[in-house]
Amino acid sequence: MGFADLAIADIAEDYNLSVEELFQLCDQLGISYKSSKTRLALEDVKALIQKITAQQNSEDRG
């Protein structure tokens, strides 16, 4: 499994979310982390981005 060059803090910033919100998403998806600087596996980043975009799309429609 490859690693993306993205930390939780980077993803939070890119998607205008708090680090705490990303921690909650990681917990929901079973993604382990130690801090906001944790670099994530590529598959974990993909899962997070899919979850974030799905939530944003549902908010836009609702």
PDB file of N, CA and C in Angstrom:
ATOM      1  N   MET A   1       0.856  -1.165   0.000  1.00  0.00           N
ATOM      2  CA  MET A   1       0.000   0.000   0.000  1.00  0.00           C
ATOM      3  C   MET A   1       0.901   1.227   0.000  1.00  0.00           C
ATOM      4  N   GLY A   2       0.628   2.152  -0.938  1.00  0.00           N
ATOM      5  CA  GLY A   2       1.415   3.363  -1.025  1.00  0.00           C
ATOM      6  C   GLY A   2       0.943   4.416  -0.045  1.00  0.00           C
ATOM      7  N   PHE A   3       1.789   5.399   0.156  1.00  0.00           N
ATOM      8  CA  PHE A   3       1.424   6.490   1.046  1.00  0.00           C
ATOM      9  C   PHE A   3       1.274   7.771   0.250  1.00  0.00           C
ATOM     10  N   ALA A   4       0.228   8.501   0.550  1.00  0.00           N
ATOM     11  CA  ALA A   4       0.002   9.806  -0.056  1.00  0.00           C
ATOM     12  C   ALA A   4       0.853  10.809   0.714  1.00  0.00           C
ATOM     13  N   ASP A   5       1.222  11.872   0.065  1.00  0.00           N
ATOM     14  CA  ASP A   5       2.008  12.894   0.749  1.00  0.00           C
ATOM     15  C   ASP A   5       1.071  13.916   1.375  1.00  0.00           C
ATOM     16  N   LEU A   6       0.059  13.406   2.074  1.00  0.00           N
ATOM     17  CA  LEU A   6      -0.924  14.270   2.726  1.00  0.00           C
ATOM     18  C   LEU A   6      -1.104  13.857   4.176  1.00  0.00           C
ATOM     19  N   ALA A   7      -1.127  14.862   5.023  1.00  0.00           N
ATOM     20  CA  ALA A   7      -1.428  14.638   6.432  1.00  0.00           C
ATOM     21  C   ALA A   7      -2.879  15.022   6.669  1.00  0.00           C
ATOM     22  N   ILE A   8      -3.413  14.597   7.792  1.00  0.00           N
ATOM     23  CA  ILE A   8      -4.794  14.925   8.153  1.00  0.00           C
ATOM     24  C   ILE A   8      -5.011  16.429   8.128  1.00  0.00           C
ATOM     25  N   ALA A   9      -4.061  17.194   8.642  1.00  0.00           N
ATOM     26  CA  ALA A   9      -4.174  18.655   8.659  1.00  0.00           C
ATOM     27  C   ALA A   9      -4.259  19.222   7.238  1.00  0.00           C
ATOM     28  N   ASP A  10      -3.522  18.624   6.296  1.00  0.00           N
ATOM     29  CA  ASP A  10      -3.555  19.084   4.907  1.00  0.00           C
ATOM     30  C   ASP A  10      -4.930  18.874   4.286  1.00  0.00           C
ATOM     31  N   ILE A  11      -5.500  17.715   4.537  1.00  0.00           N
ATOM     32  CA  ILE A  11      -6.819  17.407   3.989  1.00  0.00           C
ATOM     33  C   ILE A  11      -7.867  18.323   4.603  1.00  0.00           C
ATOM     34  N   ALA A  12      -7.779  18.542   5.903  1.00  0.00           N
ATOM     35  CA  ALA A  12      -8.720  19.439   6.581  1.00  0.00           C
ATOM     36  C   ALA A  12      -8.665  20.826   5.958  1.00  0.00           C
ATOM     37  N   GLU A  13      -7.472  21.325   5.721  1.00  0.00           N
ATOM     38  CA  GLU A  13      -7.310  22.654   5.124  1.00  0.00           C
ATOM     39  C   GLU A  13      -7.859  22.688   3.702  1.00  0.00           C
ATOM     40  N   ASP A  14      -7.550  21.672   2.918  1.00  0.00           N
ATOM     41  CA  ASP A  14      -8.004  21.626   1.518  1.00  0.00           C
ATOM     42  C   ASP A  14      -9.524  21.611   1.397  1.00  0.00           C
ATOM     43  N   TYR A  15     -10.198  20.993   2.366  1.00  0.00           N
ATOM     44  CA  TYR A  15     -11.652  20.844   2.296  1.00  0.00           C
ATOM     45  C   TYR A  15     -12.394  21.734   3.302  1.00  0.00           C
ATOM     46  N   ASN A  16     -11.690  22.715   3.860  1.00  0.00           N
ATOM     47  CA  ASN A  16     -12.279  23.672   4.805  1.00  0.00           C
ATOM     48  C   ASN A  16     -12.998  22.988   5.973  1.00  0.00           C
ATOM     49  N   LEU A  17     -12.341  21.990   6.547  1.00  0.00           N
ATOM     50  CA  LEU A  17     -12.867  21.272   7.705  1.00  0.00           C
ATOM     51  C   LEU A  17     -11.894  21.437   8.860  1.00  0.00           C
ATOM     52  N   SER A  18     -12.380  21.241  10.070  1.00  0.00           N
ATOM     53  CA  SER A  18     -11.478  21.266  11.215  1.00  0.00           C
ATOM     54  C   SER A  18     -10.772  19.912  11.316  1.00  0.00           C
ATOM     55  N   VAL A  19      -9.643  19.927  11.985  1.00  0.00           N
ATOM     56  CA  VAL A  19      -8.907  18.682  12.211  1.00  0.00           C
ATOM     57  C   VAL A  19      -9.775  17.709  13.002  1.00  0.00           C
ATOM     58  N   GLU A  20     -10.555  18.238  13.944  1.00  0.00           N
ATOM     59  CA  GLU A  20     -11.434  17.384  14.750  1.00  0.00           C
ATOM     60  C   GLU A  20     -12.472  16.682  13.871  1.00  0.00           C
ATOM     61  N   GLU A  21     -12.992  17.389  12.872  1.00  0.00           N
ATOM     62  CA  GLU A  21     -13.949  16.756  11.954  1.00  0.00           C
ATOM     63  C   GLU A  21     -13.283  15.620  11.182  1.00  0.00           C
ATOM     64  N   LEU A  22     -12.025  15.833  10.783  1.00  0.00           N
ATOM     65  CA  LEU A  22     -11.307  14.776  10.078  1.00  0.00           C
ATOM     66  C   LEU A  22     -11.024  13.597  11.000  1.00  0.00           C
ATOM     67  N   PHE A  23     -10.697  13.877  12.266  1.00  0.00           N
ATOM     68  CA  PHE A  23     -10.504  12.790  13.226  1.00  0.00           C
ATOM     69  C   PHE A  23     -11.778  11.958  13.346  1.00  0.00           C
ATOM     70  N   GLN A  24     -12.936  12.622  13.390  1.00  0.00           N
ATOM     71  CA  GLN A  24     -14.209  11.907  13.483  1.00  0.00           C
ATOM     72  C   GLN A  24     -14.431  11.030  12.254  1.00  0.00           C
ATOM     73  N   LEU A  25     -14.124  11.565  11.071  1.00  0.00           N
ATOM     74  CA  LEU A  25     -14.267  10.772   9.844  1.00  0.00           C
ATOM     75  C   LEU A  25     -13.309   9.577   9.856  1.00  0.00           C
ATOM     76  N   CYS A  26     -12.089   9.800  10.314  1.00  0.00           N
ATOM     77  CA  CYS A  26     -11.132   8.696  10.412  1.00  0.00           C
ATOM     78  C   CYS A  26     -11.667   7.614  11.339  1.00  0.00           C
ATOM     79  N   ASP A  27     -12.222   8.026  12.470  1.00  0.00           N
ATOM     80  CA  ASP A  27     -12.790   7.063  13.408  1.00  0.00           C
ATOM     81  C   ASP A  27     -13.934   6.287  12.765  1.00  0.00           C
ATOM     82  N   GLN A  28     -14.809   6.992  12.033  1.00  0.00           N
ATOM     83  CA  GLN A  28     -15.942   6.337  11.369  1.00  0.00           C
ATOM     84  C   GLN A  28     -15.466   5.316  10.338  1.00  0.00           C
ATOM     85  N   LEU A  29     -14.376   5.651   9.647  1.00  0.00           N
ATOM     86  CA  LEU A  29     -13.883   4.785   8.578  1.00  0.00           C
ATOM     87  C   LEU A  29     -12.849   3.767   9.052  1.00  0.00           C
ATOM     88  N   GLY A  30     -12.513   3.817  10.336  1.00  0.00           N
ATOM     89  CA  GLY A  30     -11.531   2.877  10.874  1.00  0.00           C
ATOM     90  C   GLY A  30     -10.108   3.179  10.447  1.00  0.00           C
ATOM     91  N   ILE A  31      -9.814   4.449  10.211  1.00  0.00           N
ATOM     92  CA  ILE A  31      -8.477   4.867   9.793  1.00  0.00           C
ATOM     93  C   ILE A  31      -7.704   5.290  11.045  1.00  0.00           C
ATOM     94  N   SER A  32      -6.574   4.659  11.267  1.00  0.00           N
ATOM     95  CA  SER A  32      -5.801   4.987  12.468  1.00  0.00           C
ATOM     96  C   SER A  32      -4.911   6.203  12.213  1.00  0.00           C
ATOM     97  N   TYR A  33      -4.701   6.979  13.273  1.00  0.00           N
ATOM     98  CA  TYR A  33      -3.880   8.184  13.212  1.00  0.00           C
ATOM     99  C   TYR A  33      -3.333   8.459  14.601  1.00  0.00           C
ATOM    100  N   LYS A  34      -2.282   9.257  14.651  1.00  0.00           N
ATOM    101  CA  LYS A  34      -1.715   9.646  15.939  1.00  0.00           C
ATOM    102  C   LYS A  34      -1.905  11.131  16.197  1.00  0.00           C
ATOM    103  N   SER A  35      -1.832  11.926  15.144  1.00  0.00           N
ATOM    104  CA  SER A  35      -1.972  13.372  15.288  1.00  0.00           C
ATOM    105  C   SER A  35      -2.405  13.965  13.950  1.00  0.00           C
ATOM    106  N   SER A  36      -2.567  15.274  13.936  1.00  0.00           N
ATOM    107  CA  SER A  36      -2.963  15.944  12.695  1.00  0.00           C
ATOM    108  C   SER A  36      -1.854  15.890  11.650  1.00  0.00           C
ATOM    109  N   LYS A  37      -0.641  15.544  12.079  1.00  0.00           N
ATOM    110  CA  LYS A  37       0.492  15.449  11.147  1.00  0.00           C
ATOM    111  C   LYS A  37       0.666  14.048  10.581  1.00  0.00           C
ATOM    112  N   THR A  38      -0.195  13.113  10.991  1.00  0.00           N
ATOM    113  CA  THR A  38      -0.105  11.735  10.505  1.00  0.00           C
ATOM    114  C   THR A  38      -0.279  11.705   8.994  1.00  0.00           C
ATOM    115  N   ARG A  39       0.684  11.119   8.306  1.00  0.00           N
ATOM    116  CA  ARG A  39       0.606  10.920   6.857  1.00  0.00           C
ATOM    117  C   ARG A  39      -0.187   9.638   6.624  1.00  0.00           C
ATOM    118  N   LEU A  40      -1.126   9.705   5.706  1.00  0.00           N
ATOM    119  CA  LEU A  40      -2.054   8.597   5.506  1.00  0.00           C
ATOM    120  C   LEU A  40      -1.728   7.776   4.277  1.00  0.00           C
ATOM    121  N   ALA A  41      -2.139   6.520   4.333  1.00  0.00           N
ATOM    122  CA  ALA A  41      -2.022   5.637   3.173  1.00  0.00           C
ATOM    123  C   ALA A  41      -2.919   6.153   2.064  1.00  0.00           C
ATOM    124  N   LEU A  42      -2.521   5.911   0.842  1.00  0.00           N
ATOM    125  CA  LEU A  42      -3.263   6.392  -0.324  1.00  0.00           C
ATOM    126  C   LEU A  42      -4.723   5.952  -0.291  1.00  0.00           C
ATOM    127  N   GLU A  43      -4.971   4.713   0.056  1.00  0.00           N
ATOM    128  CA  GLU A  43      -6.342   4.200   0.108  1.00  0.00           C
ATOM    129  C   GLU A  43      -7.162   4.913   1.187  1.00  0.00           C
ATOM    130  N   ASP A  44      -6.519   5.265   2.291  1.00  0.00           N
ATOM    131  CA  ASP A  44      -7.220   5.986   3.354  1.00  0.00           C
ATOM    132  C   ASP A  44      -7.573   7.406   2.913  1.00  0.00           C
ATOM    133  N   VAL A  45      -6.664   8.057   2.204  1.00  0.00           N
ATOM    134  CA  VAL A  45      -6.931   9.401   1.689  1.00  0.00           C
ATOM    135  C   VAL A  45      -8.100   9.351   0.707  1.00  0.00           C
ATOM    136  N   LYS A  46      -8.094   8.353  -0.161  1.00  0.00           N
ATOM    137  CA  LYS A  46      -9.199   8.208  -1.124  1.00  0.00           C
ATOM    138  C   LYS A  46     -10.532   8.033  -0.398  1.00  0.00           C
ATOM    139  N   ALA A  47     -10.547   7.197   0.626  1.00  0.00           N
ATOM    140  CA  ALA A  47     -11.781   6.954   1.380  1.00  0.00           C
ATOM    141  C   ALA A  47     -12.258   8.229   2.060  1.00  0.00           C
ATOM    142  N   LEU A  48     -11.341   8.978   2.653  1.00  0.00           N
ATOM    143  CA  LEU A  48     -11.713  10.237   3.310  1.00  0.00           C
ATOM    144  C   LEU A  48     -12.289  11.233   2.312  1.00  0.00           C
ATOM    145  N   ILE A  49     -11.622  11.385   1.175  1.00  0.00           N
ATOM    146  CA  ILE A  49     -12.082  12.353   0.173  1.00  0.00           C
ATOM    147  C   ILE A  49     -13.450  11.955  -0.370  1.00  0.00           C
ATOM    148  N   GLN A  50     -13.661  10.672  -0.595  1.00  0.00           N
ATOM    149  CA  GLN A  50     -14.972  10.218  -1.054  1.00  0.00           C
ATOM    150  C   GLN A  50     -16.049  10.533  -0.027  1.00  0.00           C
ATOM    151  N   LYS A  51     -15.763  10.299   1.243  1.00  0.00           N
ATOM    152  CA  LYS A  51     -16.723  10.575   2.318  1.00  0.00           C
ATOM    153  C   LYS A  51     -16.995  12.078   2.415  1.00  0.00           C
ATOM    154  N   ILE A  52     -15.957  12.888   2.346  1.00  0.00           N
ATOM    155  CA  ILE A  52     -16.112  14.341   2.434  1.00  0.00           C
ATOM    156  C   ILE A  52     -16.944  14.867   1.273  1.00  0.00           C
ATOM    157  N   THR A  53     -16.620  14.452   0.063  1.00  0.00           N
ATOM    158  CA  THR A  53     -17.362  14.958  -1.099  1.00  0.00           C
ATOM    159  C   THR A  53     -18.803  14.479  -1.084  1.00  0.00           C
ATOM    160  N   ALA A  54     -19.046  13.264  -0.616  1.00  0.00           N
ATOM    161  CA  ALA A  54     -20.425  12.770  -0.514  1.00  0.00           C
ATOM    162  C   ALA A  54     -21.213  13.612   0.484  1.00  0.00           C
ATOM    163  N   GLN A  55     -20.605  13.925   1.621  1.00  0.00           N
ATOM    164  CA  GLN A  55     -21.275  14.755   2.628  1.00  0.00           C
ATOM    165  C   GLN A  55     -21.532  16.163   2.088  1.00  0.00           C
ATOM    166  N   GLN A  56     -20.559  16.732   1.407  1.00  0.00           N
ATOM    167  CA  GLN A  56     -20.725  18.079   0.851  1.00  0.00           C
ATOM    168  C   GLN A  56     -21.801  18.097  -0.221  1.00  0.00           C
ATOM    169  N   ASN A  57     -21.860  17.059  -1.032  1.00  0.00           N
ATOM    170  CA  ASN A  57     -22.885  16.988  -2.073  1.00  0.00           C
ATOM    171  C   ASN A  57     -24.274  16.859  -1.477  1.00  0.00           C
ATOM    172  N   SER A  58     -24.412  16.074  -0.410  1.00  0.00           N
ATOM    173  CA  SER A  58     -25.721  15.908   0.215  1.00  0.00           C
ATOM    174  C   SER A  58     -26.147  17.213   0.912  1.00  0.00           C
ATOM    175  N   GLU A  59     -25.201  17.965   1.452  1.00  0.00           N
ATOM    176  CA  GLU A  59     -25.515  19.256   2.057  1.00  0.00           C
ATOM    177  C   GLU A  59     -25.953  20.266   1.007  1.00  0.00           C
ATOM    178  N   ASP A  60     -25.331  20.211  -0.162  1.00  0.00           N
ATOM    179  CA  ASP A  60     -25.683  21.114  -1.252  1.00  0.00           C
ATOM    180  C   ASP A  60     -27.100  20.862  -1.759  1.00  0.00           C
ATOM    181  N   ARG A  61     -27.498  19.590  -1.748  1.00  0.00           N
ATOM    182  CA  ARG A  61     -28.848  19.224  -2.221  1.00  0.00           C
ATOM    183  C   ARG A  61     -29.907  19.459  -1.179  1.00  0.00           C
ATOM    184  N   GLY A  62     -29.527  19.385   0.091  1.00  0.00           N
ATOM    185  CA  GLY A  62     -30.499  19.423   1.160  1.00  0.00           C
ATOM    186  C   GLY A  62     -30.751  20.790   1.647  1.00  0.00           C
TER     187      GLY A  62
END
